[in-house]
Amino acid sequence: MADSIFIGDKQLIVTGDRILVSPPVAGKRTDFGLYVPDSAVDKRKVMAGWVEAVGPGYPIPEANSSSEEPWKTSDSSAPRHYPLQVEKGDYVLYVKNAAWEIQLDTGKFFVVPYSSVLVILRTPLDVEQPES
């Protein structure tokens, strides 16, 4: 089942093998005490963020039980999907060039294809998660 997020009174539903990622809070201090401006962050090829919503996954073709006519499709209208590994609340690293940036009422988000996700982190980190 597709995951969704509410933006005000509107529901945003993620489709297919995509995930909705919110970037970490900008203007944070590095481990060495330096503030990194947004312009320096924009030059990175790998980005990170919190997973806000997950699509249903890869579609699976319907298997036909009739061996006489394998080209016919089933009458079942329920789509089947192979689920993704990533879950809502995970912290992911992904390829920046593959993501689409969208601006919503509550801020900036990225729609990332699952094939662009490099790493999934599920352990607690010292990074502040944005309030939803």
N, C-alpha and C. Protein backbone atom coordinates (compact mmCIF):
# COMPACT_ATOMS: atom_id res chain seq x y z
N MET A 1 0.83 -1.18 0.00
CA MET A 1 0.00 0.00 0.00
C MET A 1 0.88 1.24 0.00
N ALA A 2 0.49 2.23 -0.76
CA ALA A 2 1.27 3.46 -0.88
C ALA A 2 1.18 4.26 0.41
N ASP A 3 2.28 4.87 0.75
CA ASP A 3 2.35 5.72 1.92
C ASP A 3 1.99 7.14 1.49
N SER A 4 1.48 7.93 2.40
CA SER A 4 1.11 9.30 2.07
C SER A 4 1.46 10.23 3.22
N ILE A 5 1.41 11.52 2.92
CA ILE A 5 1.68 12.55 3.90
C ILE A 5 0.66 13.66 3.69
N PHE A 6 0.23 14.28 4.76
CA PHE A 6 -0.73 15.37 4.66
C PHE A 6 0.02 16.70 4.71
N ILE A 7 -0.23 17.55 3.72
CA ILE A 7 0.30 18.90 3.65
C ILE A 7 -0.90 19.82 3.80
N GLY A 8 -1.08 20.34 5.00
CA GLY A 8 -2.28 21.13 5.26
C GLY A 8 -3.49 20.21 5.20
N ASP A 9 -4.47 20.54 4.35
CA ASP A 9 -5.65 19.69 4.20
C ASP A 9 -5.56 18.80 2.97
N LYS A 10 -4.41 18.77 2.31
CA LYS A 10 -4.22 17.96 1.10
C LYS A 10 -3.37 16.75 1.40
N GLN A 11 -3.72 15.63 0.75
CA GLN A 11 -2.97 14.39 0.92
C GLN A 11 -2.04 14.19 -0.26
N LEU A 12 -0.76 13.98 0.01
CA LEU A 12 0.24 13.72 -1.01
C LEU A 12 0.55 12.23 -0.98
N ILE A 13 0.29 11.53 -2.11
CA ILE A 13 0.50 10.09 -2.20
C ILE A 13 1.69 9.83 -3.12
N VAL A 14 2.63 9.05 -2.66
CA VAL A 14 3.82 8.70 -3.44
C VAL A 14 3.48 7.46 -4.27
N THR A 15 3.85 7.48 -5.55
CA THR A 15 3.51 6.38 -6.45
C THR A 15 4.74 5.58 -6.84
N GLY A 16 4.50 4.35 -7.28
CA GLY A 16 5.54 3.51 -7.84
C GLY A 16 6.69 3.22 -6.91
N ASP A 17 7.89 3.21 -7.47
CA ASP A 17 9.10 2.89 -6.70
C ASP A 17 9.82 4.16 -6.27
N ARG A 18 9.07 5.15 -5.83
CA ARG A 18 9.64 6.43 -5.41
C ARG A 18 9.45 6.64 -3.91
N ILE A 19 10.29 7.49 -3.35
CA ILE A 19 10.15 7.86 -1.94
C ILE A 19 10.19 9.38 -1.83
N LEU A 20 9.54 9.91 -0.82
CA LEU A 20 9.55 11.35 -0.54
C LEU A 20 10.51 11.59 0.61
N VAL A 21 11.51 12.44 0.38
CA VAL A 21 12.57 12.69 1.35
C VAL A 21 12.57 14.16 1.73
N SER A 22 12.66 14.43 3.04
CA SER A 22 12.84 15.80 3.50
C SER A 22 14.30 15.97 3.90
N PRO A 23 14.94 17.05 3.42
CA PRO A 23 16.36 17.25 3.74
C PRO A 23 16.54 17.61 5.21
N PRO A 24 17.74 17.34 5.76
CA PRO A 24 18.00 17.75 7.14
C PRO A 24 17.99 19.27 7.25
N VAL A 25 17.88 19.75 8.46
CA VAL A 25 17.81 21.18 8.72
C VAL A 25 19.07 21.87 8.22
N ALA A 26 18.93 22.89 7.39
CA ALA A 26 20.08 23.61 6.83
C ALA A 26 20.69 24.53 7.88
N GLY A 27 21.93 24.91 7.64
CA GLY A 27 22.62 25.83 8.54
C GLY A 27 23.15 25.18 9.80
N LYS A 28 23.26 23.87 9.80
CA LYS A 28 23.79 23.17 10.97
C LYS A 28 25.30 23.33 11.04
N ARG A 29 25.82 23.21 12.21
CA ARG A 29 27.25 23.31 12.45
C ARG A 29 27.91 21.96 12.19
N THR A 30 29.09 21.96 11.57
CA THR A 30 29.82 20.71 11.33
C THR A 30 30.47 20.24 12.62
N ASP A 31 31.11 19.05 12.57
CA ASP A 31 31.79 18.51 13.74
C ASP A 31 32.95 19.39 14.19
N PHE A 32 33.48 20.19 13.26
CA PHE A 32 34.61 21.07 13.58
C PHE A 32 34.17 22.46 14.00
N GLY A 33 32.86 22.70 14.09
CA GLY A 33 32.36 23.98 14.54
C GLY A 33 32.12 25.00 13.43
N LEU A 34 32.20 24.58 12.18
CA LEU A 34 31.98 25.49 11.05
C LEU A 34 30.52 25.42 10.60
N TYR A 35 30.02 26.55 10.13
CA TYR A 35 28.70 26.58 9.52
C TYR A 35 28.87 26.43 8.02
N VAL A 36 28.14 25.48 7.44
CA VAL A 36 28.23 25.22 6.01
C VAL A 36 27.05 25.90 5.32
N PRO A 37 27.32 26.83 4.39
CA PRO A 37 26.22 27.50 3.71
C PRO A 37 25.51 26.56 2.73
N ASP A 38 24.28 26.92 2.35
CA ASP A 38 23.50 26.10 1.43
C ASP A 38 24.17 25.97 0.07
N SER A 39 24.94 26.99 -0.36
CA SER A 39 25.60 26.92 -1.66
C SER A 39 26.65 25.81 -1.70
N ALA A 40 27.30 25.53 -0.58
CA ALA A 40 28.27 24.44 -0.53
C ALA A 40 27.56 23.09 -0.55
N VAL A 41 26.41 23.02 0.07
CA VAL A 41 25.64 21.78 0.10
C VAL A 41 25.12 21.45 -1.29
N ASP A 42 24.78 22.47 -2.08
CA ASP A 42 24.23 22.25 -3.42
C ASP A 42 25.23 21.60 -4.37
N LYS A 43 26.52 21.69 -4.10
CA LYS A 43 27.54 21.14 -4.99
C LYS A 43 27.80 19.65 -4.74
N ARG A 44 27.23 19.10 -3.71
CA ARG A 44 27.45 17.68 -3.41
C ARG A 44 26.71 16.80 -4.39
N LYS A 45 27.27 15.62 -4.68
CA LYS A 45 26.63 14.67 -5.59
C LYS A 45 25.76 13.68 -4.84
N VAL A 46 26.01 13.50 -3.55
CA VAL A 46 25.21 12.62 -2.71
C VAL A 46 24.52 13.47 -1.66
N MET A 47 23.22 13.27 -1.51
CA MET A 47 22.44 14.01 -0.53
C MET A 47 21.88 13.03 0.50
N ALA A 48 21.35 13.58 1.59
CA ALA A 48 20.77 12.75 2.65
C ALA A 48 19.48 13.39 3.13
N GLY A 49 18.64 12.61 3.74
CA GLY A 49 17.41 13.15 4.29
C GLY A 49 16.56 12.07 4.92
N TRP A 50 15.45 12.52 5.53
CA TRP A 50 14.51 11.65 6.22
C TRP A 50 13.40 11.23 5.28
N VAL A 51 13.05 9.96 5.30
CA VAL A 51 11.96 9.43 4.46
C VAL A 51 10.63 9.82 5.10
N GLU A 52 9.81 10.54 4.34
CA GLU A 52 8.51 10.98 4.81
C GLU A 52 7.38 10.08 4.31
N ALA A 53 7.52 9.54 3.10
CA ALA A 53 6.51 8.65 2.52
C ALA A 53 7.17 7.73 1.51
N VAL A 54 6.57 6.55 1.32
CA VAL A 54 7.12 5.52 0.44
C VAL A 54 6.04 5.07 -0.53
N GLY A 55 6.41 4.91 -1.80
CA GLY A 55 5.48 4.39 -2.80
C GLY A 55 5.21 2.91 -2.58
N PRO A 56 4.26 2.34 -3.32
CA PRO A 56 3.90 0.93 -3.12
C PRO A 56 4.97 -0.05 -3.56
N GLY A 57 5.87 0.33 -4.45
CA GLY A 57 6.94 -0.55 -4.88
C GLY A 57 6.89 -0.83 -6.37
N TYR A 58 7.63 -1.87 -6.77
CA TYR A 58 7.69 -2.25 -8.18
C TYR A 58 6.44 -3.04 -8.54
N PRO A 59 5.78 -2.71 -9.67
CA PRO A 59 4.61 -3.50 -10.05
C PRO A 59 5.00 -4.90 -10.49
N ILE A 60 4.19 -5.85 -10.10
CA ILE A 60 4.40 -7.25 -10.47
C ILE A 60 3.34 -7.62 -11.49
N PRO A 61 3.74 -8.18 -12.64
CA PRO A 61 2.73 -8.58 -13.62
C PRO A 61 1.85 -9.69 -13.07
N GLU A 62 0.61 -9.66 -13.48
CA GLU A 62 -0.35 -10.65 -13.03
C GLU A 62 -0.05 -11.99 -13.68
N ALA A 63 0.05 -13.04 -12.88
CA ALA A 63 0.29 -14.38 -13.40
C ALA A 63 -1.04 -14.96 -13.86
N ASN A 64 -1.05 -15.51 -15.05
CA ASN A 64 -2.26 -16.08 -15.60
C ASN A 64 -2.29 -17.57 -15.29
N SER A 65 -3.40 -18.04 -14.73
CA SER A 65 -3.49 -19.44 -14.35
C SER A 65 -3.85 -20.34 -15.53
N SER A 66 -4.36 -19.76 -16.59
CA SER A 66 -4.76 -20.55 -17.75
C SER A 66 -3.55 -20.79 -18.65
N SER A 67 -3.17 -22.04 -18.85
CA SER A 67 -2.02 -22.33 -19.70
C SER A 67 -2.41 -22.36 -21.18
N GLU A 68 -3.72 -22.39 -21.48
CA GLU A 68 -4.16 -22.41 -22.87
C GLU A 68 -3.98 -21.06 -23.57
N GLU A 69 -4.22 -19.98 -22.85
CA GLU A 69 -4.14 -18.64 -23.43
C GLU A 69 -3.32 -17.73 -22.52
N PRO A 70 -2.00 -17.83 -22.55
CA PRO A 70 -1.17 -17.06 -21.63
C PRO A 70 -1.16 -15.56 -21.90
N TRP A 71 -1.62 -15.13 -23.07
CA TRP A 71 -1.61 -13.71 -23.40
C TRP A 71 -2.78 -12.95 -22.78
N LYS A 72 -3.79 -13.66 -22.31
CA LYS A 72 -4.95 -13.00 -21.70
C LYS A 72 -4.59 -12.52 -20.30
N THR A 73 -5.15 -11.38 -19.95
CA THR A 73 -4.92 -10.85 -18.61
C THR A 73 -6.02 -11.33 -17.68
N SER A 74 -5.71 -11.31 -16.42
CA SER A 74 -6.66 -11.75 -15.41
C SER A 74 -7.74 -10.70 -15.21
N ASP A 75 -8.90 -11.13 -14.74
CA ASP A 75 -10.00 -10.22 -14.46
C ASP A 75 -9.81 -9.49 -13.13
N SER A 76 -8.80 -9.88 -12.37
CA SER A 76 -8.54 -9.24 -11.08
C SER A 76 -8.04 -7.82 -11.30
N SER A 77 -8.68 -6.86 -10.64
CA SER A 77 -8.29 -5.47 -10.81
C SER A 77 -7.33 -4.98 -9.73
N ALA A 78 -7.03 -5.80 -8.74
CA ALA A 78 -6.15 -5.40 -7.66
C ALA A 78 -4.70 -5.47 -8.11
N PRO A 79 -3.99 -4.34 -8.17
CA PRO A 79 -2.58 -4.37 -8.57
C PRO A 79 -1.71 -4.99 -7.48
N ARG A 80 -0.64 -5.63 -7.89
CA ARG A 80 0.30 -6.22 -6.95
C ARG A 80 1.63 -5.51 -7.09
N HIS A 81 2.32 -5.33 -5.98
CA HIS A 81 3.61 -4.65 -5.99
C HIS A 81 4.61 -5.40 -5.12
N TYR A 82 5.88 -5.32 -5.55
CA TYR A 82 6.99 -5.83 -4.75
C TYR A 82 7.43 -4.67 -3.86
N PRO A 83 7.30 -4.77 -2.53
CA PRO A 83 7.57 -3.64 -1.65
C PRO A 83 9.04 -3.23 -1.62
N LEU A 84 9.28 -1.98 -1.24
CA LEU A 84 10.64 -1.43 -1.14
C LEU A 84 11.21 -1.71 0.25
N GLN A 85 12.53 -1.69 0.37
CA GLN A 85 13.19 -1.92 1.66
C GLN A 85 13.06 -0.72 2.59
N VAL A 86 13.00 0.46 2.04
CA VAL A 86 13.00 1.67 2.84
C VAL A 86 11.63 1.85 3.51
N GLU A 87 11.64 2.44 4.71
CA GLU A 87 10.42 2.67 5.48
C GLU A 87 10.35 4.14 5.89
N LYS A 88 9.15 4.57 6.21
CA LYS A 88 8.97 5.93 6.69
C LYS A 88 9.77 6.11 7.99
N GLY A 89 10.52 7.20 8.07
CA GLY A 89 11.34 7.47 9.24
C GLY A 89 12.80 7.09 9.07
N ASP A 90 13.15 6.37 8.02
CA ASP A 90 14.54 6.02 7.75
C ASP A 90 15.32 7.26 7.32
N TYR A 91 16.63 7.22 7.51
CA TYR A 91 17.53 8.27 7.03
C TYR A 91 18.28 7.67 5.85
N VAL A 92 18.20 8.29 4.67
CA VAL A 92 18.78 7.71 3.46
C VAL A 92 19.81 8.65 2.85
N LEU A 93 20.80 8.04 2.18
CA LEU A 93 21.74 8.75 1.32
C LEU A 93 21.36 8.39 -0.10
N TYR A 94 21.26 9.38 -0.99
CA TYR A 94 20.83 9.14 -2.37
C TYR A 94 21.59 10.01 -3.34
N VAL A 95 21.56 9.63 -4.61
CA VAL A 95 22.22 10.38 -5.68
C VAL A 95 21.38 11.64 -5.96
N LYS A 96 22.00 12.79 -5.81
CA LYS A 96 21.28 14.06 -5.94
C LYS A 96 20.73 14.28 -7.34
N ASN A 97 21.50 13.94 -8.38
CA ASN A 97 21.08 14.23 -9.75
C ASN A 97 19.85 13.44 -10.18
N ALA A 98 19.52 12.37 -9.48
CA ALA A 98 18.36 11.54 -9.84
C ALA A 98 17.07 12.02 -9.15
N ALA A 99 17.18 12.90 -8.17
CA ALA A 99 16.02 13.34 -7.40
C ALA A 99 15.36 14.56 -8.02
N TRP A 100 14.05 14.69 -7.79
CA TRP A 100 13.30 15.86 -8.24
C TRP A 100 12.94 16.67 -7.01
N GLU A 101 13.27 17.96 -7.04
CA GLU A 101 12.96 18.84 -5.93
C GLU A 101 11.56 19.41 -6.11
N ILE A 102 10.77 19.37 -5.05
CA ILE A 102 9.44 19.98 -5.07
C ILE A 102 9.30 20.90 -3.87
N GLN A 103 8.61 22.00 -4.06
CA GLN A 103 8.39 22.97 -3.01
C GLN A 103 6.92 22.90 -2.61
N LEU A 104 6.66 22.58 -1.34
CA LEU A 104 5.30 22.50 -0.82
C LEU A 104 5.12 23.57 0.25
N ASP A 105 3.91 23.67 0.78
CA ASP A 105 3.61 24.69 1.79
C ASP A 105 4.51 24.58 3.02
N THR A 106 4.86 23.36 3.39
CA THR A 106 5.65 23.16 4.60
C THR A 106 7.16 23.17 4.36
N GLY A 107 7.60 23.27 3.11
CA GLY A 107 9.03 23.32 2.85
C GLY A 107 9.43 22.56 1.60
N LYS A 108 10.73 22.29 1.51
CA LYS A 108 11.30 21.64 0.34
C LYS A 108 11.39 20.13 0.59
N PHE A 109 11.02 19.36 -0.43
CA PHE A 109 11.11 17.90 -0.39
C PHE A 109 11.77 17.42 -1.67
N PHE A 110 12.21 16.17 -1.65
CA PHE A 110 12.78 15.53 -2.84
C PHE A 110 12.04 14.23 -3.10
N VAL A 111 11.68 14.01 -4.36
CA VAL A 111 11.10 12.74 -4.80
C VAL A 111 12.26 11.95 -5.41
N VAL A 112 12.57 10.81 -4.80
CA VAL A 112 13.76 10.05 -5.16
C VAL A 112 13.34 8.67 -5.66
N PRO A 113 13.82 8.27 -6.85
CA PRO A 113 13.58 6.89 -7.28
C PRO A 113 14.36 5.92 -6.39
N TYR A 114 13.76 4.79 -6.11
CA TYR A 114 14.39 3.84 -5.20
C TYR A 114 15.75 3.37 -5.70
N SER A 115 15.94 3.31 -7.00
CA SER A 115 17.23 2.86 -7.55
C SER A 115 18.36 3.83 -7.25
N SER A 116 18.04 5.06 -6.83
CA SER A 116 19.06 6.06 -6.51
C SER A 116 19.46 6.07 -5.05
N VAL A 117 18.79 5.28 -4.23
CA VAL A 117 19.12 5.21 -2.81
C VAL A 117 20.39 4.38 -2.65
N LEU A 118 21.38 4.96 -1.97
CA LEU A 118 22.66 4.30 -1.77
C LEU A 118 22.73 3.57 -0.43
N VAL A 119 22.23 4.22 0.63
CA VAL A 119 22.35 3.68 1.98
C VAL A 119 21.06 4.00 2.74
N ILE A 120 20.63 3.05 3.57
CA ILE A 120 19.48 3.26 4.46
C ILE A 120 20.00 3.12 5.89
N LEU A 121 19.76 4.12 6.71
CA LEU A 121 20.17 4.09 8.11
C LEU A 121 18.93 4.04 9.00
N ARG A 122 18.87 3.04 9.89
CA ARG A 122 17.73 2.91 10.77
C ARG A 122 18.10 3.10 12.24
N THR A 123 19.36 3.23 12.56
CA THR A 123 19.76 3.44 13.94
C THR A 123 19.64 4.92 14.27
N PRO A 124 19.39 5.26 15.52
CA PRO A 124 19.29 6.68 15.89
C PRO A 124 20.61 7.41 15.63
N LEU A 125 20.48 8.63 15.08
CA LEU A 125 21.64 9.45 14.79
C LEU A 125 21.60 10.73 15.60
N ASP A 126 22.69 11.49 15.57
CA ASP A 126 22.73 12.78 16.24
C ASP A 126 22.21 13.88 15.34
N VAL A 127 21.47 13.55 14.31
CA VAL A 127 20.92 14.51 13.38
C VAL A 127 19.48 14.77 13.79
N GLU A 128 19.10 16.03 13.84
CA GLU A 128 17.73 16.37 14.22
C GLU A 128 16.76 16.01 13.10
N GLN A 129 15.70 15.27 13.46
CA GLN A 129 14.67 14.94 12.47
C GLN A 129 13.66 16.08 12.47
N PRO A 130 13.26 16.55 11.26
CA PRO A 130 12.30 17.65 11.19
C PRO A 130 10.95 17.22 11.76
N GLU A 131 10.25 18.18 12.31
CA GLU A 131 8.92 17.91 12.86
C GLU A 131 7.92 17.80 11.74
N SER A 132 7.06 16.78 11.81
CA SER A 132 6.07 16.57 10.75
C SER A 132 4.74 17.14 11.15
